Amino acid sequence: MITQTKKSRTTREKHPPVVSDTPESRQNPSKGLKGSHEKALSMLWSESVRWSSKMW
């Protein structure tokens, strides 16, 4: 289990930190915080895509 120390405080306010919960992190558990950062970016990306698709 990967524990987040500094980042977890800020991310917990918006959503519970999900670490090693996606198939990507299951394949590559050694990513650690870098993986969670990429996950946050991809989540932002998918969120914006969903938003833009609603606009059209």
Protein backbone atom coordinates (compact mmCIF):
# COMPACT_ATOMS: atom_id res chain seq x y z
CA MET A 1 0.00 0.00 0.00
CA ILE A 2 1.37 3.38 -0.99
CA THR A 3 0.95 6.14 1.56
CA GLN A 4 0.76 9.78 0.54
CA THR A 5 1.99 12.27 3.12
CA LYS A 6 1.98 15.82 1.79
CA LYS A 7 -0.34 15.46 -1.19
CA SER A 8 -3.05 13.48 0.59
CA ARG A 9 -4.16 16.50 2.62
CA THR A 10 -5.05 18.58 -0.42
CA THR A 11 -6.50 15.78 -2.53
CA ARG A 12 -8.69 14.40 0.23
CA GLU A 13 -10.76 17.60 0.25
CA LYS A 14 -11.83 17.14 -3.37
CA HIS A 15 -11.92 13.34 -3.53
CA PRO A 16 -10.51 10.41 -1.55
CA PRO A 17 -7.00 9.57 -2.80
CA VAL A 18 -7.20 6.47 -4.95
CA VAL A 19 -3.81 4.80 -5.14
CA SER A 20 -3.25 1.46 -6.86
CA ASP A 21 -6.93 1.24 -7.78
CA THR A 22 -6.65 1.50 -11.56
CA PRO A 23 -5.43 -1.27 -13.88
CA GLU A 24 -2.48 0.94 -14.81
CA SER A 25 -1.24 1.17 -11.23
CA ARG A 26 -1.90 -2.53 -10.75
CA GLN A 27 0.41 -3.25 -13.65
CA ASN A 28 2.97 -0.73 -12.44
CA PRO A 29 2.75 -0.39 -8.63
CA SER A 30 6.31 0.96 -8.44
CA LYS A 31 5.17 4.27 -9.92
CA GLY A 32 4.07 5.54 -6.53
CA LEU A 33 3.41 9.27 -6.30
CA LYS A 34 4.31 9.80 -9.94
CA GLY A 35 1.55 7.40 -10.91
CA SER A 36 -0.98 9.19 -8.74
CA HIS A 37 0.08 12.50 -10.26
CA GLU A 38 -0.44 11.12 -13.75
CA LYS A 39 -3.77 9.73 -12.61
CA ALA A 40 -4.82 13.17 -11.39
CA LEU A 41 -3.82 14.65 -14.73
CA SER A 42 -5.70 11.99 -16.68
CA MET A 43 -8.71 12.47 -14.42
CA LEU A 44 -8.62 16.21 -15.14
CA TRP A 45 -8.30 15.44 -18.84
CA SER A 46 -11.21 12.99 -18.93
CA GLU A 47 -13.27 15.44 -16.88
CA SER A 48 -12.63 18.26 -19.36
CA VAL A 49 -13.40 15.94 -22.28
CA ARG A 50 -16.68 14.97 -20.66
CA TRP A 51 -17.44 18.63 -20.09
CA SER A 52 -16.71 19.61 -23.69
CA SER A 53 -18.79 16.72 -25.01
CA LYS A 54 -21.72 18.00 -22.96
CA MET A 55 -21.34 21.45 -24.50
CA TRP A 56 -21.75 20.14 -28.06
